Amino acid sequence: MASDINDQFCAQTNTVFTKGNNHYISINLNANEKAEAQRLFEALSVNGQIEMPLEKTFWGALYGAFTDQFGIKWMINCQLEAM
């Protein structure tokens, strides 16, 4: 799964979309187990910038977000509770 930006996001954040950049595209990985989510988060975020640590969220999942050392944005999600 991937996520990009839309016009509403640009308007709310006073952001200008620039064709060809990856500033607003994120790769989302869904893990099946907590240990897998932790492993993915730790391995891919090495030397990167963590935007949200991997932690339990209000939607019943472990979730974390970061930009890796190459400038790629990632989101790691592991659903813990049935929605």
Protein backbone atom coordinates (compact mmCIF):
# COMPACT_ATOMS: atom_id res chain seq x y z
CA MET A 1 0.00 0.00 0.00
CA ALA A 2 1.18 3.53 -0.68
CA SER A 3 -0.13 6.93 0.29
CA ASP A 4 0.21 10.23 -1.52
CA ILE A 5 -1.14 13.76 -1.06
CA ASN A 6 -4.27 15.39 -2.41
CA ASP A 7 -5.46 18.95 -2.97
CA GLN A 8 -7.20 19.09 0.41
CA PHE A 9 -3.98 18.12 2.23
CA CYS A 10 -2.04 20.76 0.29
CA ALA A 11 -4.58 23.44 1.19
CA GLN A 12 -4.65 22.48 4.89
CA THR A 13 -0.88 22.37 5.25
CA ASN A 14 -0.06 25.26 2.91
CA THR A 15 1.97 22.84 0.80
CA VAL A 16 2.73 23.02 -2.89
CA PHE A 17 2.87 19.78 -4.84
CA THR A 18 6.00 19.49 -6.98
CA LYS A 19 5.87 16.87 -9.70
CA GLY A 20 8.76 14.41 -9.42
CA ASN A 21 9.48 14.66 -5.71
CA ASN A 22 8.61 12.01 -3.17
CA HIS A 23 8.02 14.28 -0.19
CA TYR A 24 4.42 13.22 0.17
CA ILE A 25 4.51 9.59 -0.85
CA SER A 26 4.82 6.96 1.87
CA ILE A 27 5.20 3.21 1.67
CA ASN A 28 3.02 1.38 4.17
CA LEU A 29 3.94 -2.09 5.41
CA ASN A 30 1.36 -4.11 7.35
CA ALA A 31 2.91 -6.62 9.72
CA ASN A 32 1.01 -9.63 11.08
CA GLU A 33 2.81 -9.74 14.45
CA LYS A 34 4.26 -7.21 16.89
CA ALA A 35 7.76 -8.70 16.58
CA GLU A 36 7.64 -8.38 12.79
CA ALA A 37 6.50 -4.74 13.03
CA GLN A 38 9.32 -3.96 15.47
CA ARG A 39 11.91 -5.69 13.25
CA LEU A 40 10.77 -3.81 10.13
CA PHE A 41 10.69 -0.48 11.95
CA GLU A 42 14.14 -0.89 13.50
CA ALA A 43 15.81 -2.18 10.32
CA LEU A 44 14.37 0.35 7.89
CA SER A 45 14.72 3.42 10.12
CA VAL A 46 18.47 3.02 10.75
CA ASN A 47 20.15 6.42 10.18
CA GLY A 48 16.78 7.90 9.27
CA GLN A 49 14.45 10.39 10.93
CA ILE A 50 11.64 8.99 13.07
CA GLU A 51 8.47 11.04 12.78
CA MET A 52 6.34 8.82 15.04
CA PRO A 53 7.79 6.04 17.16
CA LEU A 54 6.26 2.58 16.82
CA GLU A 55 3.54 2.65 19.48
CA LYS A 56 -0.03 1.59 20.16
CA THR A 57 -2.62 3.86 18.57
CA PHE A 58 -6.25 4.76 19.17
CA TRP A 59 -7.27 2.52 16.26
CA GLY A 60 -5.89 -0.57 18.03
CA ALA A 61 -2.67 -1.02 16.10
CA LEU A 62 1.06 -0.56 16.50
CA TYR A 63 1.99 2.23 14.14
CA GLY A 64 5.13 4.19 13.40
CA ALA A 65 6.37 6.51 10.67
CA PHE A 66 9.83 7.59 9.57
CA THR A 67 11.95 8.76 6.66
CA ASP A 68 14.82 6.39 5.91
CA GLN A 69 18.41 7.40 5.26
CA PHE A 70 17.65 7.65 1.52
CA GLY A 71 14.68 10.01 1.90
CA ILE A 72 11.95 7.38 1.47
CA LYS A 73 8.96 7.79 3.80
CA TRP A 74 7.65 4.64 5.51
CA MET A 75 4.66 3.73 7.68
CA ILE A 76 4.65 0.46 9.65
CA ASN A 77 1.28 -0.81 10.87
CA CYS A 78 0.36 -3.94 12.84
CA GLN A 79 -3.31 -4.34 13.72
CA LEU A 80 -3.56 -5.65 17.30
CA GLU A 81 -7.30 -5.47 17.91
CA ALA A 82 -10.31 -6.22 15.74
CA MET A 83 -11.87 -3.07 14.36
